[in-house]
Amino acid sequence: MANKKRRVAKTATEALKLLWEESFFRSWKKKAAVEVSLAKKGNHFTDAELGMALKRAKHLTRKGRPGNYEYIQKHPFIAEEIVVKKKG
């Protein structure tokens, strides 16, 4: 059985990046849906902290009116691969 590392988010910004890596933002999501998903992971950020992180997230875009925004990813997450070149 493979031992999978579990990453823990200590800030709302980190938590949003983890959700993005899991393709959570593939479709439009309201803030309430984000809060529910984070709560399942054990994260409970203040309303202001989560709202500011959603607003500042460079990998997300939003639509709607104040108090009723929806969020979606600008582009899918792609893990960066480290390529090591051998001399010789």
C-alpha atoms as a PDB file:
ATOM      1  CA  MET A   1       0.000   0.000   0.000  1.00  0.00           C
ATOM      2  CA  ALA A   2       1.433   3.325  -1.053  1.00  0.00           C
ATOM      3  CA  ASN A   3       1.964   5.915   1.634  1.00  0.00           C
ATOM      4  CA  LYS A   4       0.328   9.132   0.387  1.00  0.00           C
ATOM      5  CA  LYS A   5       1.494  12.382   1.977  1.00  0.00           C
ATOM      6  CA  ARG A   6      -1.319  14.488   3.338  1.00  0.00           C
ATOM      7  CA  ARG A   7      -0.761  18.199   2.972  1.00  0.00           C
ATOM      8  CA  VAL A   8      -2.214  20.490   5.607  1.00  0.00           C
ATOM      9  CA  ALA A   9      -3.233  24.057   4.806  1.00  0.00           C
ATOM     10  CA  LYS A  10      -2.503  26.555   7.552  1.00  0.00           C
ATOM     11  CA  THR A  11      -3.897  29.577   5.702  1.00  0.00           C
ATOM     12  CA  ALA A  12      -6.928  30.167   3.515  1.00  0.00           C
ATOM     13  CA  THR A  13      -4.642  30.882   0.556  1.00  0.00           C
ATOM     14  CA  GLU A  14      -2.909  27.501   0.927  1.00  0.00           C
ATOM     15  CA  ALA A  15      -6.280  25.763   1.298  1.00  0.00           C
ATOM     16  CA  LEU A  16      -7.561  27.293  -1.957  1.00  0.00           C
ATOM     17  CA  LYS A  17      -4.439  26.153  -3.795  1.00  0.00           C
ATOM     18  CA  LEU A  18      -4.957  22.600  -2.524  1.00  0.00           C
ATOM     19  CA  LEU A  19      -8.564  22.653  -3.756  1.00  0.00           C
ATOM     20  CA  TRP A  20      -7.353  23.939  -7.122  1.00  0.00           C
ATOM     21  CA  GLU A  21      -4.806  21.109  -7.346  1.00  0.00           C
ATOM     22  CA  GLU A  22      -7.670  18.660  -6.721  1.00  0.00           C
ATOM     23  CA  SER A  23      -9.653  20.239  -9.630  1.00  0.00           C
ATOM     24  CA  PHE A  24     -12.348  21.497  -7.250  1.00  0.00           C
ATOM     25  CA  PHE A  25     -12.701  24.739  -9.217  1.00  0.00           C
ATOM     26  CA  ARG A  26     -13.258  22.991 -12.566  1.00  0.00           C
ATOM     27  CA  SER A  27     -16.828  24.342 -12.523  1.00  0.00           C
ATOM     28  CA  TRP A  28     -18.350  27.477 -10.988  1.00  0.00           C
ATOM     29  CA  LYS A  29     -18.466  27.311  -7.164  1.00  0.00           C
ATOM     30  CA  LYS A  30     -20.106  29.629  -4.653  1.00  0.00           C
ATOM     31  CA  LYS A  31     -18.325  30.616  -1.457  1.00  0.00           C
ATOM     32  CA  ALA A  32     -20.644  28.363   0.578  1.00  0.00           C
ATOM     33  CA  ALA A  33     -19.545  25.313  -1.449  1.00  0.00           C
ATOM     34  CA  VAL A  34     -15.903  26.240  -0.837  1.00  0.00           C
ATOM     35  CA  GLU A  35     -16.579  26.531   2.907  1.00  0.00           C
ATOM     36  CA  VAL A  36     -18.237  23.080   2.973  1.00  0.00           C
ATOM     37  CA  SER A  37     -15.333  21.483   1.121  1.00  0.00           C
ATOM     38  CA  LEU A  38     -12.790  23.081   3.434  1.00  0.00           C
ATOM     39  CA  ALA A  39     -14.794  22.031   6.504  1.00  0.00           C
ATOM     40  CA  LYS A  40     -14.630  18.395   5.336  1.00  0.00           C
ATOM     41  CA  LYS A  41     -10.842  18.754   5.433  1.00  0.00           C
ATOM     42  CA  GLY A  42     -10.973  20.270   8.910  1.00  0.00           C
ATOM     43  CA  ASN A  43     -10.304  23.880   7.857  1.00  0.00           C
ATOM     44  CA  HIS A  44     -12.525  26.584   9.359  1.00  0.00           C
ATOM     45  CA  PHE A  45     -11.386  30.052   8.304  1.00  0.00           C
ATOM     46  CA  THR A  46     -13.149  33.276   9.181  1.00  0.00           C
ATOM     47  CA  ASP A  47     -15.533  34.707   6.607  1.00  0.00           C
ATOM     48  CA  ALA A  48     -13.248  37.696   6.017  1.00  0.00           C
ATOM     49  CA  GLU A  49     -10.100  35.566   5.679  1.00  0.00           C
ATOM     50  CA  LEU A  50     -11.665  33.205   3.144  1.00  0.00           C
ATOM     51  CA  GLY A  51     -13.280  36.061   1.210  1.00  0.00           C
ATOM     52  CA  MET A  52      -9.981  37.915   0.909  1.00  0.00           C
ATOM     53  CA  ALA A  53      -8.144  34.745  -0.174  1.00  0.00           C
ATOM     54  CA  LEU A  54     -10.773  34.085  -2.867  1.00  0.00           C
ATOM     55  CA  LYS A  55     -10.533  37.677  -4.072  1.00  0.00           C
ATOM     56  CA  ARG A  56      -6.719  37.603  -4.258  1.00  0.00           C
ATOM     57  CA  ALA A  57      -6.302  34.096  -5.735  1.00  0.00           C
ATOM     58  CA  LYS A  58      -4.454  34.570  -9.022  1.00  0.00           C
ATOM     59  CA  HIS A  59      -5.542  31.151 -10.307  1.00  0.00           C
ATOM     60  CA  LEU A  60      -9.270  31.927  -9.906  1.00  0.00           C
ATOM     61  CA  THR A  61     -11.675  34.293 -11.595  1.00  0.00           C
ATOM     62  CA  ARG A  62     -15.068  35.355 -10.308  1.00  0.00           C
ATOM     63  CA  LYS A  63     -18.424  36.539 -11.589  1.00  0.00           C
ATOM     64  CA  GLY A  64     -21.528  37.909  -9.920  1.00  0.00           C
ATOM     65  CA  ARG A  65     -22.364  40.690  -7.539  1.00  0.00           C
ATOM     66  CA  PRO A  66     -21.014  41.458  -4.061  1.00  0.00           C
ATOM     67  CA  GLY A  67     -22.224  38.804  -1.656  1.00  0.00           C
ATOM     68  CA  ASN A  68     -23.130  36.446  -4.484  1.00  0.00           C
ATOM     69  CA  TYR A  69     -19.871  35.689  -6.302  1.00  0.00           C
ATOM     70  CA  GLU A  70     -19.011  32.422  -8.023  1.00  0.00           C
ATOM     71  CA  TYR A  71     -15.440  31.258  -8.634  1.00  0.00           C
ATOM     72  CA  ILE A  72     -13.775  29.117 -11.300  1.00  0.00           C
ATOM     73  CA  GLN A  73     -10.167  28.299 -12.189  1.00  0.00           C
ATOM     74  CA  LYS A  74      -8.453  30.337 -14.902  1.00  0.00           C
ATOM     75  CA  HIS A  75      -6.430  27.300 -15.950  1.00  0.00           C
ATOM     76  CA  PRO A  76      -6.028  23.734 -14.684  1.00  0.00           C
ATOM     77  CA  PHE A  77      -3.294  22.865 -12.226  1.00  0.00           C
ATOM     78  CA  ILE A  78      -0.296  21.121 -13.773  1.00  0.00           C
ATOM     79  CA  ALA A  79       2.389  19.823 -11.460  1.00  0.00           C
ATOM     80  CA  GLU A  80       5.789  21.123 -12.447  1.00  0.00           C
ATOM     81  CA  GLU A  81       8.168  18.336 -13.308  1.00  0.00           C
ATOM     82  CA  ILE A  82      11.820  18.719 -12.443  1.00  0.00           C
ATOM     83  CA  VAL A  83      14.021  17.594 -15.300  1.00  0.00           C
ATOM     84  CA  VAL A  84      17.590  16.662 -14.410  1.00  0.00           C
ATOM     85  CA  LYS A  85      20.053  16.624 -17.285  1.00  0.00           C
ATOM     86  CA  LYS A  86      22.988  14.297 -17.060  1.00  0.00           C
ATOM     87  CA  LYS A  87      26.387  15.459 -18.237  1.00  0.00           C
ATOM     88  CA  GLY A  88      28.203  13.175 -20.548  1.00  0.00           C
END
